[in-house]
PDB file of N, CA and C in Angstrom:
ATOM      1  N   MET A   1      11.614   6.719   4.381  1.00  0.00           N
ATOM      2  CA  MET A   1      10.639   5.678   4.687  1.00  0.00           C
ATOM      3  C   MET A   1      11.391   4.505   5.293  1.00  0.00           C
ATOM      4  N   LYS A   2      11.009   4.097   6.488  1.00  0.00           N
ATOM      5  CA  LYS A   2      11.680   3.037   7.223  1.00  0.00           C
ATOM      6  C   LYS A   2      10.784   1.810   7.360  1.00  0.00           C
ATOM      7  N   MET A   3       9.893   1.625   6.465  1.00  0.00           N
ATOM      8  CA  MET A   3       8.903   0.567   6.518  1.00  0.00           C
ATOM      9  C   MET A   3       9.573  -0.811   6.563  1.00  0.00           C
ATOM     10  N   ASN A   4       9.072  -1.680   7.447  1.00  0.00           N
ATOM     11  CA  ASN A   4       9.541  -3.062   7.510  1.00  0.00           C
ATOM     12  C   ASN A   4       8.707  -3.908   6.567  1.00  0.00           C
ATOM     13  N   GLU A   5       9.343  -4.907   5.958  1.00  0.00           N
ATOM     14  CA  GLU A   5       8.600  -5.776   5.054  1.00  0.00           C
ATOM     15  C   GLU A   5       9.064  -7.214   5.183  1.00  0.00           C
ATOM     16  N   GLU A   6       8.130  -8.107   4.952  1.00  0.00           N
ATOM     17  CA  GLU A   6       8.400  -9.544   4.896  1.00  0.00           C
ATOM     18  C   GLU A   6       7.870 -10.044   3.560  1.00  0.00           C
ATOM     19  N   VAL A   7       8.754 -10.552   2.717  1.00  0.00           N
ATOM     20  CA  VAL A   7       8.339 -11.060   1.415  1.00  0.00           C
ATOM     21  C   VAL A   7       7.781 -12.468   1.590  1.00  0.00           C
ATOM     22  N   ILE A   8       6.552 -12.665   1.130  1.00  0.00           N
ATOM     23  CA  ILE A   8       5.893 -13.964   1.194  1.00  0.00           C
ATOM     24  C   ILE A   8       6.088 -14.720  -0.115  1.00  0.00           C
ATOM     25  N   LEU A   9       5.922 -13.994  -1.229  1.00  0.00           N
ATOM     26  CA  LEU A   9       6.015 -14.591  -2.562  1.00  0.00           C
ATOM     27  C   LEU A   9       6.467 -13.519  -3.539  1.00  0.00           C
ATOM     28  N   LYS A  10       7.387 -13.898  -4.436  1.00  0.00           N
ATOM     29  CA  LYS A  10       7.812 -12.947  -5.468  1.00  0.00           C
ATOM     30  C   LYS A  10       8.087 -13.726  -6.744  1.00  0.00           C
ATOM     31  N   THR A  11       7.354 -13.364  -7.803  1.00  0.00           N
ATOM     32  CA  THR A  11       7.562 -13.934  -9.129  1.00  0.00           C
ATOM     33  C   THR A  11       7.760 -12.773 -10.094  1.00  0.00           C
ATOM     34  N   GLU A  12       7.865 -13.067 -11.383  1.00  0.00           N
ATOM     35  CA  GLU A  12       8.001 -12.000 -12.375  1.00  0.00           C
ATOM     36  C   GLU A  12       6.771 -11.104 -12.421  1.00  0.00           C
ATOM     37  N   ASN A  13       5.587 -11.643 -12.085  1.00  0.00           N
ATOM     38  CA  ASN A  13       4.343 -10.900 -12.263  1.00  0.00           C
ATOM     39  C   ASN A  13       3.537 -10.652 -10.997  1.00  0.00           C
ATOM     40  N   VAL A  14       3.945 -11.244  -9.868  1.00  0.00           N
ATOM     41  CA  VAL A  14       3.182 -11.106  -8.625  1.00  0.00           C
ATOM     42  C   VAL A  14       4.147 -10.971  -7.454  1.00  0.00           C
ATOM     43  N   THR A  15       3.819 -10.075  -6.525  1.00  0.00           N
ATOM     44  CA  THR A  15       4.566  -9.938  -5.282  1.00  0.00           C
ATOM     45  C   THR A  15       3.571  -9.904  -4.131  1.00  0.00           C
ATOM     46  N   VAL A  16       3.875 -10.650  -3.072  1.00  0.00           N
ATOM     47  CA  VAL A  16       3.044 -10.656  -1.867  1.00  0.00           C
ATOM     48  C   VAL A  16       3.964 -10.371  -0.689  1.00  0.00           C
ATOM     49  N   ARG A  17       3.633  -9.316   0.073  1.00  0.00           N
ATOM     50  CA  ARG A  17       4.459  -8.912   1.214  1.00  0.00           C
ATOM     51  C   ARG A  17       3.576  -8.504   2.387  1.00  0.00           C
ATOM     52  N   VAL A  18       4.126  -8.628   3.587  1.00  0.00           N
ATOM     53  CA  VAL A  18       3.529  -8.022   4.769  1.00  0.00           C
ATOM     54  C   VAL A  18       4.364  -6.789   5.074  1.00  0.00           C
ATOM     55  N   LEU A  19       3.716  -5.637   5.115  1.00  0.00           N
ATOM     56  CA  LEU A  19       4.394  -4.369   5.379  1.00  0.00           C
ATOM     57  C   LEU A  19       3.959  -3.819   6.731  1.00  0.00           C
ATOM     58  N   SER A  20       4.904  -3.233   7.446  1.00  0.00           N
ATOM     59  CA  SER A  20       4.625  -2.620   8.747  1.00  0.00           C
ATOM     60  C   SER A  20       4.964  -1.143   8.679  1.00  0.00           C
ATOM     61  N   LEU A  21       4.052  -0.327   9.174  1.00  0.00           N
ATOM     62  CA  LEU A  21       4.273   1.116   9.265  1.00  0.00           C
ATOM     63  C   LEU A  21       4.238   1.520  10.732  1.00  0.00           C
ATOM     64  N   ALA A  22       5.224   2.276  11.185  1.00  0.00           N
ATOM     65  CA  ALA A  22       5.230   2.801  12.543  1.00  0.00           C
ATOM     66  C   ALA A  22       4.118   3.846  12.682  1.00  0.00           C
ATOM     67  N   ALA A  23       3.771   4.179  13.903  1.00  0.00           N
ATOM     68  CA  ALA A  23       2.757   5.200  14.156  1.00  0.00           C
ATOM     69  C   ALA A  23       3.111   6.481  13.416  1.00  0.00           C
ATOM     70  N   GLY A  24       2.173   6.997  12.625  1.00  0.00           N
ATOM     71  CA  GLY A  24       2.379   8.233  11.882  1.00  0.00           C
ATOM     72  C   GLY A  24       3.187   8.100  10.605  1.00  0.00           C
ATOM     73  N   GLU A  25       3.691   6.922  10.305  1.00  0.00           N
ATOM     74  CA  GLU A  25       4.514   6.716   9.108  1.00  0.00           C
ATOM     75  C   GLU A  25       3.643   6.535   7.872  1.00  0.00           C
ATOM     76  N   SER A  26       4.194   6.916   6.713  1.00  0.00           N
ATOM     77  CA  SER A  26       3.469   6.729   5.457  1.00  0.00           C
ATOM     78  C   SER A  26       4.454   6.447   4.329  1.00  0.00           C
ATOM     79  N   THR A  27       3.941   5.869   3.271  1.00  0.00           N
ATOM     80  CA  THR A  27       4.739   5.677   2.064  1.00  0.00           C
ATOM     81  C   THR A  27       4.797   6.998   1.315  1.00  0.00           C
ATOM     82  N   PRO A  28       5.743   7.164   0.405  1.00  0.00           N
ATOM     83  CA  PRO A  28       5.703   8.347  -0.458  1.00  0.00           C
ATOM     84  C   PRO A  28       4.507   8.240  -1.423  1.00  0.00           C
ATOM     85  N   TRP A  29       4.072   9.365  -1.949  1.00  0.00           N
ATOM     86  CA  TRP A  29       3.089   9.327  -3.025  1.00  0.00           C
ATOM     87  C   TRP A  29       3.737   8.609  -4.205  1.00  0.00           C
ATOM     88  N   HIS A  30       3.016   7.675  -4.796  1.00  0.00           N
ATOM     89  CA  HIS A  30       3.591   6.893  -5.889  1.00  0.00           C
ATOM     90  C   HIS A  30       2.481   6.285  -6.747  1.00  0.00           C
ATOM     91  N   PHE A  31       2.900   5.663  -7.842  1.00  0.00           N
ATOM     92  CA  PHE A  31       1.983   4.906  -8.688  1.00  0.00           C
ATOM     93  C   PHE A  31       2.755   3.761  -9.324  1.00  0.00           C
ATOM     94  N   HIS A  32       2.011   2.819  -9.892  1.00  0.00           N
ATOM     95  CA  HIS A  32       2.590   1.682 -10.608  1.00  0.00           C
ATOM     96  C   HIS A  32       2.024   1.675 -12.024  1.00  0.00           C
ATOM     97  N   ASN A  33       2.843   1.347 -13.012  1.00  0.00           N
ATOM     98  CA  ASN A  33       2.400   1.360 -14.408  1.00  0.00           C
ATOM     99  C   ASN A  33       1.508   0.182 -14.772  1.00  0.00           C
ATOM    100  N   GLU A  34       1.805  -1.002 -14.250  1.00  0.00           N
ATOM    101  CA  GLU A  34       1.076  -2.202 -14.673  1.00  0.00           C
ATOM    102  C   GLU A  34       0.308  -2.895 -13.564  1.00  0.00           C
ATOM    103  N   ILE A  35       0.824  -2.848 -12.354  1.00  0.00           N
ATOM    104  CA  ILE A  35       0.250  -3.689 -11.303  1.00  0.00           C
ATOM    105  C   ILE A  35      -0.880  -3.010 -10.539  1.00  0.00           C
ATOM    106  N   THR A  36      -1.746  -3.846  -9.998  1.00  0.00           N
ATOM    107  CA  THR A  36      -2.798  -3.418  -9.084  1.00  0.00           C
ATOM    108  C   THR A  36      -2.336  -3.746  -7.676  1.00  0.00           C
ATOM    109  N   ASP A  37      -2.507  -2.811  -6.748  1.00  0.00           N
ATOM    110  CA  ASP A  37      -2.225  -3.048  -5.331  1.00  0.00           C
ATOM    111  C   ASP A  37      -3.509  -3.492  -4.653  1.00  0.00           C
ATOM    112  N   ASN A  38      -3.440  -4.589  -3.921  1.00  0.00           N
ATOM    113  CA  ASN A  38      -4.521  -5.026  -3.050  1.00  0.00           C
ATOM    114  C   ASN A  38      -3.965  -5.038  -1.644  1.00  0.00           C
ATOM    115  N   MET A  39      -4.492  -4.150  -0.782  1.00  0.00           N
ATOM    116  CA  MET A  39      -4.013  -4.015   0.586  1.00  0.00           C
ATOM    117  C   MET A  39      -5.059  -4.557   1.543  1.00  0.00           C
ATOM    118  N   PHE A  40      -4.659  -5.518   2.370  1.00  0.00           N
ATOM    119  CA  PHE A  40      -5.523  -6.137   3.372  1.00  0.00           C
ATOM    120  C   PHE A  40      -4.976  -5.752   4.745  1.00  0.00           C
ATOM    121  N   CYS A  41      -5.745  -5.034   5.539  1.00  0.00           N
ATOM    122  CA  CYS A  41      -5.286  -4.593   6.851  1.00  0.00           C
ATOM    123  C   CYS A  41      -5.224  -5.783   7.809  1.00  0.00           C
ATOM    124  N   LEU A  42      -4.069  -5.961   8.439  1.00  0.00           N
ATOM    125  CA  LEU A  42      -3.872  -7.036   9.414  1.00  0.00           C
ATOM    126  C   LEU A  42      -3.946  -6.511  10.848  1.00  0.00           C
ATOM    127  N   SER A  43      -3.468  -5.288  11.067  1.00  0.00           N
ATOM    128  CA  SER A  43      -3.537  -4.671  12.395  1.00  0.00           C
ATOM    129  C   SER A  43      -3.367  -3.167  12.245  1.00  0.00           C
ATOM    130  N   GLY A  44      -3.909  -2.438  13.199  1.00  0.00           N
ATOM    131  CA  GLY A  44      -3.733  -0.992  13.203  1.00  0.00           C
ATOM    132  C   GLY A  44      -4.812  -0.250  12.439  1.00  0.00           C
ATOM    133  N   ASP A  45      -4.493   0.983  12.083  1.00  0.00           N
ATOM    134  CA  ASP A  45      -5.432   1.919  11.457  1.00  0.00           C
ATOM    135  C   ASP A  45      -4.785   2.482  10.202  1.00  0.00           C
ATOM    136  N   ILE A  46      -5.119   1.933   9.043  1.00  0.00           N
ATOM    137  CA  ILE A  46      -4.476   2.309   7.777  1.00  0.00           C
ATOM    138  C   ILE A  46      -5.407   3.204   6.959  1.00  0.00           C
ATOM    139  N   LEU A  47      -4.816   4.235   6.377  1.00  0.00           N
ATOM    140  CA  LEU A  47      -5.547   5.136   5.505  1.00  0.00           C
ATOM    141  C   LEU A  47      -4.856   5.138   4.149  1.00  0.00           C
ATOM    142  N   VAL A  48      -5.629   4.895   3.086  1.00  0.00           N
ATOM    143  CA  VAL A  48      -5.089   4.940   1.731  1.00  0.00           C
ATOM    144  C   VAL A  48      -5.600   6.230   1.100  1.00  0.00           C
ATOM    145  N   LEU A  49      -4.666   7.091   0.723  1.00  0.00           N
ATOM    146  CA  LEU A  49      -4.993   8.361   0.074  1.00  0.00           C
ATOM    147  C   LEU A  49      -4.794   8.182  -1.419  1.00  0.00           C
ATOM    148  N   LEU A  50      -5.770   8.644  -2.197  1.00  0.00           N
ATOM    149  CA  LEU A  50      -5.743   8.458  -3.650  1.00  0.00           C
ATOM    150  C   LEU A  50      -5.941   9.789  -4.354  1.00  0.00           C
ATOM    151  N   ARG A  51      -5.428   9.881  -5.577  1.00  0.00           N
ATOM    152  CA  ARG A  51      -5.599  11.067  -6.410  1.00  0.00           C
ATOM    153  C   ARG A  51      -6.266  10.694  -7.717  1.00  0.00           C
ATOM    154  N   ASN A  52      -6.918  11.681  -8.306  1.00  0.00           N
ATOM    155  CA  ASN A  52      -7.553  11.565  -9.636  1.00  0.00           C
ATOM    156  C   ASN A  52      -8.593  10.459  -9.723  1.00  0.00           C
ATOM    157  N   PRO A  53      -9.699  10.585  -9.031  1.00  0.00           N
ATOM    158  CA  PRO A  53     -10.106  11.687  -8.157  1.00  0.00           C
ATOM    159  C   PRO A  53      -9.547  11.517  -6.746  1.00  0.00           C
ATOM    160  N   ASP A  54      -9.509  12.630  -5.997  1.00  0.00           N
ATOM    161  CA  ASP A  54      -9.055  12.589  -4.611  1.00  0.00           C
ATOM    162  C   ASP A  54     -10.029  11.756  -3.789  1.00  0.00           C
ATOM    163  N   GLU A  55      -9.461  10.883  -2.984  1.00  0.00           N
ATOM    164  CA  GLU A  55     -10.289   9.980  -2.187  1.00  0.00           C
ATOM    165  C   GLU A  55      -9.465   9.508  -0.995  1.00  0.00           C
ATOM    166  N   GLU A  56     -10.121   9.245   0.125  1.00  0.00           N
ATOM    167  CA  GLU A  56      -9.485   8.659   1.303  1.00  0.00           C
ATOM    168  C   GLU A  56     -10.248   7.396   1.662  1.00  0.00           C
ATOM    169  N   VAL A  57      -9.527   6.293   1.826  1.00  0.00           N
ATOM    170  CA  VAL A  57     -10.156   5.012   2.162  1.00  0.00           C
ATOM    171  C   VAL A  57      -9.530   4.504   3.452  1.00  0.00           C
ATOM    172  N   ARG A  58     -10.336   4.406   4.484  1.00  0.00           N
ATOM    173  CA  ARG A  58      -9.867   3.831   5.742  1.00  0.00           C
ATOM    174  C   ARG A  58     -10.013   2.322   5.634  1.00  0.00           C
ATOM    175  N   VAL A  59      -8.928   1.617   5.913  1.00  0.00           N
ATOM    176  CA  VAL A  59      -8.929   0.159   5.799  1.00  0.00           C
ATOM    177  C   VAL A  59      -8.735  -0.410   7.202  1.00  0.00           C
ATOM    178  N   GLN A  60      -9.774  -1.073   7.685  1.00  0.00           N
ATOM    179  CA  GLN A  60      -9.731  -1.656   9.020  1.00  0.00           C
ATOM    180  C   GLN A  60      -9.385  -3.138   8.927  1.00  0.00           C
ATOM    181  N   ILE A  61      -9.076  -3.732  10.057  1.00  0.00           N
ATOM    182  CA  ILE A  61      -8.664  -5.132  10.103  1.00  0.00           C
ATOM    183  C   ILE A  61      -9.658  -6.003   9.340  1.00  0.00           C
ATOM    184  N   GLY A  62      -9.120  -6.799   8.397  1.00  0.00           N
ATOM    185  CA  GLY A  62      -9.947  -7.699   7.595  1.00  0.00           C
ATOM    186  C   GLY A  62     -10.502  -7.082   6.328  1.00  0.00           C
ATOM    187  N   GLN A  63     -10.350  -5.771   6.148  1.00  0.00           N
ATOM    188  CA  GLN A  63     -10.863  -5.108   4.957  1.00  0.00           C
ATOM    189  C   GLN A  63      -9.766  -4.974   3.907  1.00  0.00           C
ATOM    190  N   ARG A  64     -10.203  -4.698   2.675  1.00  0.00           N
ATOM    191  CA  ARG A  64      -9.280  -4.593   1.536  1.00  0.00           C
ATOM    192  C   ARG A  64      -9.506  -3.293   0.796  1.00  0.00           C
ATOM    193  N   CYS A  65      -8.409  -2.757   0.260  1.00  0.00           N
ATOM    194  CA  CYS A  65      -8.468  -1.606  -0.638  1.00  0.00           C
ATOM    195  C   CYS A  65      -7.709  -1.973  -1.905  1.00  0.00           C
ATOM    196  N   GLU A  66      -8.315  -1.700  -3.048  1.00  0.00           N
ATOM    197  CA  GLU A  66      -7.710  -2.017  -4.340  1.00  0.00           C
ATOM    198  C   GLU A  66      -7.353  -0.725  -5.059  1.00  0.00           C
ATOM    199  N   VAL A  67      -6.102  -0.630  -5.526  1.00  0.00           N
ATOM    200  CA  VAL A  67      -5.635   0.551  -6.254  1.00  0.00           C
ATOM    201  C   VAL A  67      -5.135   0.100  -7.619  1.00  0.00           C
ATOM    202  N   TYR A  68      -5.766   0.618  -8.654  1.00  0.00           N
ATOM    203  CA  TYR A  68      -5.468   0.203 -10.027  1.00  0.00           C
ATOM    204  C   TYR A  68      -4.214   0.879 -10.574  1.00  0.00           C
ATOM    205  N   PRO A  69      -3.629   0.313 -11.629  1.00  0.00           N
ATOM    206  CA  PRO A  69      -2.438   0.905 -12.237  1.00  0.00           C
ATOM    207  C   PRO A  69      -2.650   2.372 -12.600  1.00  0.00           C
ATOM    208  N   LEU A  70      -1.575   3.138 -12.492  1.00  0.00           N
ATOM    209  CA  LEU A  70      -1.470   4.555 -12.852  1.00  0.00           C
ATOM    210  C   LEU A  70      -2.161   5.500 -11.870  1.00  0.00           C
ATOM    211  N   ARG A  71      -2.863   4.970 -10.854  1.00  0.00           N
ATOM    212  CA  ARG A  71      -3.510   5.854  -9.886  1.00  0.00           C
ATOM    213  C   ARG A  71      -2.527   6.189  -8.757  1.00  0.00           C
ATOM    214  N   MET A  72      -2.275   7.469  -8.585  1.00  0.00           N
ATOM    215  CA  MET A  72      -1.355   7.928  -7.557  1.00  0.00           C
ATOM    216  C   MET A  72      -1.967   7.655  -6.180  1.00  0.00           C
ATOM    217  N   HIS A  73      -1.126   7.121  -5.260  1.00  0.00           N
ATOM    218  CA  HIS A  73      -1.621   6.799  -3.934  1.00  0.00           C
ATOM    219  C   HIS A  73      -0.518   6.832  -2.882  1.00  0.00           C
ATOM    220  N   GLN A  74      -0.966   6.847  -1.629  1.00  0.00           N
ATOM    221  CA  GLN A  74      -0.085   6.844  -0.473  1.00  0.00           C
ATOM    222  C   GLN A  74      -0.783   6.037   0.619  1.00  0.00           C
ATOM    223  N   VAL A  75      -0.008   5.247   1.366  1.00  0.00           N
ATOM    224  CA  VAL A  75      -0.555   4.463   2.464  1.00  0.00           C
ATOM    225  C   VAL A  75      -0.002   5.041   3.758  1.00  0.00           C
ATOM    226  N   ALA A  76      -0.887   5.328   4.720  1.00  0.00           N
ATOM    227  CA  ALA A  76      -0.467   5.961   5.969  1.00  0.00           C
ATOM    228  C   ALA A  76      -1.011   5.204   7.173  1.00  0.00           C
ATOM    229  N   ASN A  77      -0.223   5.184   8.232  1.00  0.00           N
ATOM    230  CA  ASN A  77      -0.667   4.637   9.512  1.00  0.00           C
ATOM    231  C   ASN A  77      -1.195   5.803  10.332  1.00  0.00           C
ATOM    232  N   MET A  78      -2.479   5.836  10.558  1.00  0.00           N
ATOM    233  CA  MET A  78      -3.102   6.939  11.270  1.00  0.00           C
ATOM    234  C   MET A  78      -3.205   6.683  12.770  1.00  0.00           C
ATOM    235  N   GLY A  79      -2.797   5.503  13.206  1.00  0.00           N
ATOM    236  CA  GLY A  79      -2.936   5.138  14.614  1.00  0.00           C
ATOM    237  C   GLY A  79      -1.715   5.465  15.447  1.00  0.00           C
ATOM    238  N   ALA A  80      -1.825   5.185  16.739  1.00  0.00           N
ATOM    239  CA  ALA A  80      -0.754   5.437  17.694  1.00  0.00           C
ATOM    240  C   ALA A  80       0.180   4.239  17.841  1.00  0.00           C
ATOM    241  N   LYS A  81      -0.172   3.118  17.219  1.00  0.00           N
ATOM    242  CA  LYS A  81       0.640   1.908  17.281  1.00  0.00           C
ATOM    243  C   LYS A  81       0.996   1.462  15.871  1.00  0.00           C
ATOM    244  N   GLU A  82       1.936   0.529  15.775  1.00  0.00           N
ATOM    245  CA  GLU A  82       2.326  -0.029  14.481  1.00  0.00           C
ATOM    246  C   GLU A  82       1.109  -0.602  13.752  1.00  0.00           C
ATOM    247  N   ALA A  83       1.100  -0.462  12.434  1.00  0.00           N
ATOM    248  CA  ALA A  83       0.049  -1.042  11.592  1.00  0.00           C
ATOM    249  C   ALA A  83       0.700  -1.995  10.596  1.00  0.00           C
ATOM    250  N   LYS A  84       0.014  -3.101  10.307  1.00  0.00           N
ATOM    251  CA  LYS A  84       0.514  -4.065   9.331  1.00  0.00           C
ATOM    252  C   LYS A  84      -0.557  -4.327   8.289  1.00  0.00           C
ATOM    253  N   TYR A  85      -0.090  -4.518   7.042  1.00  0.00           N
ATOM    254  CA  TYR A  85      -1.026  -4.895   5.994  1.00  0.00           C
ATOM    255  C   TYR A  85      -0.364  -5.862   5.032  1.00  0.00           C
ATOM    256  N   LEU A  86      -1.197  -6.730   4.479  1.00  0.00           N
ATOM    257  CA  LEU A  86      -0.762  -7.669   3.457  1.00  0.00           C
ATOM    258  C   LEU A  86      -0.942  -6.969   2.126  1.00  0.00           C
ATOM    259  N   LEU A  87       0.127  -6.907   1.341  1.00  0.00           N
ATOM    260  CA  LEU A  87       0.090  -6.233   0.041  1.00  0.00           C
ATOM    261  C   LEU A  87       0.289  -7.270  -1.054  1.00  0.00           C
ATOM    262  N   VAL A  88      -0.737  -7.434  -1.875  1.00  0.00           N
ATOM    263  CA  VAL A  88      -0.681  -8.344  -3.021  1.00  0.00           C
ATOM    264  C   VAL A  88      -0.626  -7.471  -4.264  1.00  0.00           C
ATOM    265  N   GLN A  89       0.453  -7.610  -5.045  1.00  0.00           N
ATOM    266  CA  GLN A  89       0.662  -6.761  -6.220  1.00  0.00           C
ATOM    267  C   GLN A  89       0.800  -7.617  -7.471  1.00  0.00           C
ATOM    268  N   GLY A  90       0.032  -7.269  -8.490  1.00  0.00           N
ATOM    269  CA  GLY A  90       0.122  -7.983  -9.762  1.00  0.00           C
ATOM    270  C   GLY A  90      -1.069  -7.599 -10.611  1.00  0.00           C
ATOM    271  N   ILE A  91      -1.192  -8.079 -11.677  1.00  0.00           N
ATOM    272  CA  ILE A  91      -0.301  -8.946 -12.428  1.00  0.00           C
ATOM    273  C   ILE A  91       0.436  -8.051 -13.414  1.00  0.00           C
ATOM    274  N   GLY A  92       1.761  -8.152 -13.416  1.00  0.00           N
ATOM    275  CA  GLY A  92       2.561  -7.341 -14.316  1.00  0.00           C
ATOM    276  C   GLY A  92       3.920  -7.052 -13.722  1.00  0.00           C
ATOM    277  N   GLN A  93       4.704  -6.271 -14.426  1.00  0.00           N
ATOM    278  CA  GLN A  93       6.052  -5.903 -14.006  1.00  0.00           C
ATOM    279  C   GLN A  93       5.975  -4.873 -12.886  1.00  0.00           C
ATOM    280  N   TYR A  94       6.654  -5.137 -11.768  1.00  0.00           N
ATOM    281  CA  TYR A  94       6.648  -4.232 -10.628  1.00  0.00           C
ATOM    282  C   TYR A  94       7.473  -2.983 -10.919  1.00  0.00           C
ATOM    283  N   ASP A  95       6.944  -1.841 -10.535  1.00  0.00           N
ATOM    284  CA  ASP A  95       7.689  -0.588 -10.507  1.00  0.00           C
ATOM    285  C   ASP A  95       7.120   0.266  -9.385  1.00  0.00           C
ATOM    286  N   PHE A  96       7.881   1.249  -8.931  1.00  0.00           N
ATOM    287  CA  PHE A  96       7.486   2.132  -7.833  1.00  0.00           C
ATOM    288  C   PHE A  96       7.900   3.535  -8.219  1.00  0.00           C
ATOM    289  N   ASN A  97       6.962   4.290  -8.767  1.00  0.00           N
ATOM    290  CA  ASN A  97       7.234   5.617  -9.313  1.00  0.00           C
ATOM    291  C   ASN A  97       6.827   6.689  -8.308  1.00  0.00           C
ATOM    292  N   ILE A  98       7.809   7.300  -7.651  1.00  0.00           N
ATOM    293  CA  ILE A  98       7.553   8.321  -6.647  1.00  0.00           C
ATOM    294  C   ILE A  98       7.204   9.636  -7.339  1.00  0.00           C
ATOM    295  N   VAL A  99       6.188  10.308  -6.791  1.00  0.00           N
ATOM    296  CA  VAL A  99       5.762  11.610  -7.321  1.00  0.00           C
ATOM    297  C   VAL A  99       5.677  12.603  -6.174  1.00  0.00           C
ATOM    298  N   GLY A 100       5.709  13.887  -6.484  1.00  0.00           N
ATOM    299  CA  GLY A 100       5.578  14.908  -5.454  1.00  0.00           C
ATOM    300  C   GLY A 100       4.189  14.901  -4.848  1.00  0.00           C
ATOM    301  N   SER A 101       4.086  15.381  -3.642  1.00  0.00           N
ATOM    302  CA  SER A 101       2.785  15.424  -2.968  1.00  0.00           C
ATOM    303  C   SER A 101       1.977  16.551  -3.541  1.00  0.00           C
TER     304      SER A 101
END
C-alpha cells in the first residue's frame, strides 16, 4: 500500500488525516478495536467494502461513510484518477488490524 497521507490532527483519542489513493489502489482489509472511521470523499470515486454483513458503499464528493469498531472494511479507489478522502478516527486508541481477504 503506497497511500499518501497528510496528518491534520493527532491526539491520544482522535486522528484526522487526508488520504490519497492512486487509481485502482486500495487499503488492506482491516478493522479497528475501538475507533469509528468517518470517511468524507474530497475527490475521485471511493468505494468502501464492508463485511458482516457484506456491503458496498460508494462515497461521492461531499458524502460520508461511517464504519464502526470491529467491522472489517477496505477502502478502494474505483476511478481512473487519484481519489482523496478526509478520515476522522475516534474516539479511542488507534489500531490497524490487517485481516485476510
